[in-house]
């Protein structure tokens, strides 16, 4: 699954990503696409997943960052 949050308004971008990621089963992943450094959003996802999060950078080009985010067992 790819979640491209670039079109999501900034005010609800984090809550949208958290909502989608909350439905990701352990061992599964999503590809998160953002328009800027995803570090703040990944910090929120990591907190929500109680630290059980795998992050694999996929692409960093002008205007888009893509990372694979995997829910790991707690």
N, C-alpha and C. Protein backbone atom coordinates (compact mmCIF):
# COMPACT_ATOMS: atom_id res chain seq x y z
N UNK A 1 0.84 -1.17 0.00
CA UNK A 1 0.00 0.00 0.00
C UNK A 1 0.89 1.24 0.00
N UNK A 2 0.52 2.24 -0.77
CA UNK A 2 1.23 3.51 -0.81
C UNK A 2 0.32 4.57 -0.22
N UNK A 3 0.85 5.33 0.73
CA UNK A 3 0.12 6.45 1.31
C UNK A 3 0.88 7.72 0.94
N UNK A 4 0.33 8.47 0.00
CA UNK A 4 0.93 9.72 -0.45
C UNK A 4 0.22 10.85 0.27
N UNK A 5 0.90 11.44 1.26
CA UNK A 5 0.27 12.48 2.08
C UNK A 5 0.54 13.88 1.53
N UNK A 6 1.17 13.99 0.39
CA UNK A 6 1.48 15.32 -0.17
C UNK A 6 0.22 16.13 -0.44
N UNK A 7 -0.88 15.49 -0.79
CA UNK A 7 -2.12 16.21 -1.09
C UNK A 7 -2.99 16.42 0.15
N UNK A 8 -2.60 15.83 1.27
CA UNK A 8 -3.36 15.95 2.51
C UNK A 8 -2.98 17.27 3.19
N UNK A 9 -3.96 18.06 3.63
CA UNK A 9 -3.64 19.31 4.31
C UNK A 9 -2.71 19.08 5.51
N UNK A 10 -1.77 20.01 5.70
CA UNK A 10 -0.78 19.86 6.78
C UNK A 10 -1.41 19.61 8.14
N UNK A 11 -2.53 20.25 8.41
CA UNK A 11 -3.17 20.12 9.72
C UNK A 11 -3.66 18.72 10.05
N UNK A 12 -3.90 17.91 9.04
CA UNK A 12 -4.39 16.54 9.30
C UNK A 12 -3.47 15.46 8.74
N UNK A 13 -2.32 15.87 8.26
CA UNK A 13 -1.38 14.91 7.65
C UNK A 13 -0.96 13.83 8.65
N UNK A 14 -0.56 14.25 9.85
CA UNK A 14 -0.11 13.28 10.86
C UNK A 14 -1.23 12.34 11.28
N UNK A 15 -2.40 12.90 11.55
CA UNK A 15 -3.51 12.05 11.99
C UNK A 15 -3.95 11.09 10.89
N UNK A 16 -3.85 11.52 9.64
CA UNK A 16 -4.18 10.62 8.52
C UNK A 16 -3.20 9.46 8.47
N UNK A 17 -1.91 9.77 8.55
CA UNK A 17 -0.89 8.72 8.51
C UNK A 17 -1.03 7.78 9.71
N UNK A 18 -1.29 8.34 10.89
CA UNK A 18 -1.47 7.51 12.09
C UNK A 18 -2.68 6.59 11.94
N UNK A 19 -3.76 7.13 11.41
CA UNK A 19 -4.97 6.33 11.21
C UNK A 19 -4.75 5.18 10.25
N UNK A 20 -4.09 5.46 9.14
CA UNK A 20 -3.82 4.40 8.16
C UNK A 20 -2.86 3.38 8.75
N UNK A 21 -1.78 3.85 9.39
CA UNK A 21 -0.79 2.92 9.91
C UNK A 21 -1.34 2.07 11.05
N UNK A 22 -2.33 2.57 11.77
CA UNK A 22 -2.91 1.78 12.86
C UNK A 22 -3.59 0.51 12.35
N UNK A 23 -3.96 0.50 11.07
CA UNK A 23 -4.61 -0.68 10.51
C UNK A 23 -3.62 -1.65 9.85
N UNK A 24 -2.35 -1.31 9.87
CA UNK A 24 -1.32 -2.17 9.27
C UNK A 24 -0.99 -3.30 10.24
N UNK A 25 -1.17 -4.55 9.83
CA UNK A 25 -0.86 -5.67 10.72
C UNK A 25 0.64 -5.81 10.96
N UNK A 26 0.98 -6.44 12.06
CA UNK A 26 2.39 -6.71 12.39
C UNK A 26 3.02 -7.48 11.24
N UNK A 27 4.20 -7.04 10.83
CA UNK A 27 4.92 -7.69 9.73
C UNK A 27 4.61 -7.09 8.37
N UNK A 28 3.59 -6.24 8.30
CA UNK A 28 3.24 -5.60 7.03
C UNK A 28 3.77 -4.18 7.00
N UNK A 29 3.74 -3.59 5.81
CA UNK A 29 4.29 -2.25 5.68
C UNK A 29 3.47 -1.41 4.72
N UNK A 30 3.75 -0.10 4.78
CA UNK A 30 3.21 0.85 3.82
C UNK A 30 4.38 1.66 3.28
N UNK A 31 4.21 2.19 2.10
CA UNK A 31 5.18 3.14 1.57
C UNK A 31 4.58 4.52 1.79
N UNK A 32 5.28 5.33 2.54
CA UNK A 32 4.84 6.67 2.88
C UNK A 32 5.56 7.67 1.99
N UNK A 33 4.81 8.50 1.29
CA UNK A 33 5.37 9.51 0.41
C UNK A 33 5.02 10.88 0.99
N UNK A 34 6.03 11.71 1.22
CA UNK A 34 5.83 13.05 1.77
C UNK A 34 6.54 14.08 0.90
N UNK A 35 6.21 15.34 1.13
CA UNK A 35 6.83 16.41 0.36
C UNK A 35 8.07 16.96 1.05
N UNK A 36 8.34 16.51 2.25
CA UNK A 36 9.50 16.99 2.99
C UNK A 36 10.07 15.87 3.85
N UNK A 37 11.05 16.21 4.64
CA UNK A 37 11.69 15.23 5.52
C UNK A 37 10.63 14.52 6.36
N UNK A 38 10.54 13.20 6.27
CA UNK A 38 9.50 12.47 7.00
C UNK A 38 9.84 12.22 8.48
N UNK A 39 10.97 12.69 8.96
CA UNK A 39 11.41 12.39 10.33
C UNK A 39 10.36 12.74 11.40
N UNK A 40 9.74 13.93 11.38
CA UNK A 40 8.75 14.22 12.42
C UNK A 40 7.55 13.26 12.38
N UNK A 41 7.11 12.93 11.19
CA UNK A 41 5.99 12.00 11.05
C UNK A 41 6.40 10.60 11.50
N UNK A 42 7.61 10.19 11.17
CA UNK A 42 8.09 8.87 11.60
C UNK A 42 8.21 8.80 13.12
N UNK A 43 8.58 9.90 13.76
CA UNK A 43 8.64 9.93 15.22
C UNK A 43 7.26 9.67 15.81
N UNK A 44 6.24 10.28 15.24
CA UNK A 44 4.87 10.06 15.72
C UNK A 44 4.43 8.62 15.48
N UNK A 45 4.77 8.07 14.31
CA UNK A 45 4.42 6.68 14.02
C UNK A 45 5.16 5.74 14.97
N UNK A 46 6.42 6.03 15.26
CA UNK A 46 7.21 5.20 16.16
C UNK A 46 6.61 5.21 17.58
N UNK A 47 6.15 6.36 18.02
CA UNK A 47 5.50 6.48 19.33
C UNK A 47 4.23 5.65 19.34
N UNK A 48 3.44 5.77 18.29
CA UNK A 48 2.19 5.02 18.19
C UNK A 48 2.43 3.51 18.17
N UNK A 49 3.51 3.10 17.54
CA UNK A 49 3.84 1.67 17.43
C UNK A 49 4.69 1.19 18.60
N UNK A 50 4.84 2.03 19.62
CA UNK A 50 5.63 1.70 20.81
C UNK A 50 7.06 1.30 20.44
N UNK A 51 7.60 2.01 19.46
CA UNK A 51 8.98 1.78 19.04
C UNK A 51 9.18 0.63 18.07
N UNK A 52 8.14 -0.15 17.85
CA UNK A 52 8.25 -1.32 16.99
C UNK A 52 7.97 -0.92 15.54
N UNK A 53 8.97 -0.29 14.93
CA UNK A 53 8.79 0.26 13.60
C UNK A 53 10.07 0.09 12.80
N UNK A 54 9.93 -0.43 11.60
CA UNK A 54 11.07 -0.52 10.70
C UNK A 54 10.94 0.55 9.64
N UNK A 55 12.03 1.24 9.31
CA UNK A 55 11.99 2.30 8.31
C UNK A 55 13.08 2.05 7.28
N UNK A 56 12.69 2.03 6.02
CA UNK A 56 13.63 1.82 4.92
C UNK A 56 13.48 2.96 3.92
N UNK A 57 14.45 3.85 3.83
CA UNK A 57 14.37 4.92 2.83
C UNK A 57 14.35 4.32 1.42
N UNK A 58 13.45 4.83 0.58
CA UNK A 58 13.34 4.33 -0.78
C UNK A 58 13.77 5.35 -1.81
N UNK A 59 13.38 6.61 -1.61
CA UNK A 59 13.67 7.62 -2.61
C UNK A 59 13.64 8.99 -1.96
N UNK A 60 14.54 9.83 -2.39
CA UNK A 60 14.57 11.22 -1.95
C UNK A 60 14.88 12.06 -3.18
N UNK A 61 13.84 12.62 -3.75
CA UNK A 61 14.01 13.46 -4.92
C UNK A 61 13.40 14.81 -4.63
N UNK A 62 13.61 15.74 -5.49
CA UNK A 62 13.05 17.07 -5.31
C UNK A 62 11.53 17.00 -5.19
N UNK A 63 11.01 17.38 -4.05
CA UNK A 63 9.56 17.41 -3.86
C UNK A 63 8.94 16.15 -3.34
N UNK A 64 9.71 15.08 -3.13
CA UNK A 64 9.12 13.84 -2.63
C UNK A 64 10.15 12.99 -1.89
N UNK A 65 9.74 12.48 -0.77
CA UNK A 65 10.52 11.50 -0.01
C UNK A 65 9.63 10.26 0.09
N UNK A 66 10.20 9.10 -0.08
CA UNK A 66 9.45 7.85 0.06
C UNK A 66 10.20 6.94 1.01
N UNK A 67 9.47 6.38 1.98
CA UNK A 67 10.05 5.43 2.92
C UNK A 67 9.07 4.27 3.12
N UNK A 68 9.63 3.08 3.26
CA UNK A 68 8.80 1.92 3.60
C UNK A 68 8.79 1.84 5.12
N UNK A 69 7.58 1.80 5.68
CA UNK A 69 7.40 1.76 7.12
C UNK A 69 6.74 0.42 7.46
N UNK A 70 7.41 -0.37 8.29
CA UNK A 70 6.93 -1.71 8.64
C UNK A 70 6.60 -1.77 10.12
N UNK A 71 5.43 -2.33 10.42
CA UNK A 71 5.05 -2.54 11.81
C UNK A 71 5.73 -3.83 12.29
N UNK A 72 6.54 -3.71 13.32
CA UNK A 72 7.27 -4.85 13.87
C UNK A 72 6.58 -5.34 15.15
N UNK A 73 6.85 -6.59 15.55
CA UNK A 73 6.28 -7.06 16.82
C UNK A 73 6.83 -6.24 17.99
N UNK A 74 5.98 -5.97 18.95
CA UNK A 74 6.41 -5.20 20.13
C UNK A 74 7.29 -6.02 21.03
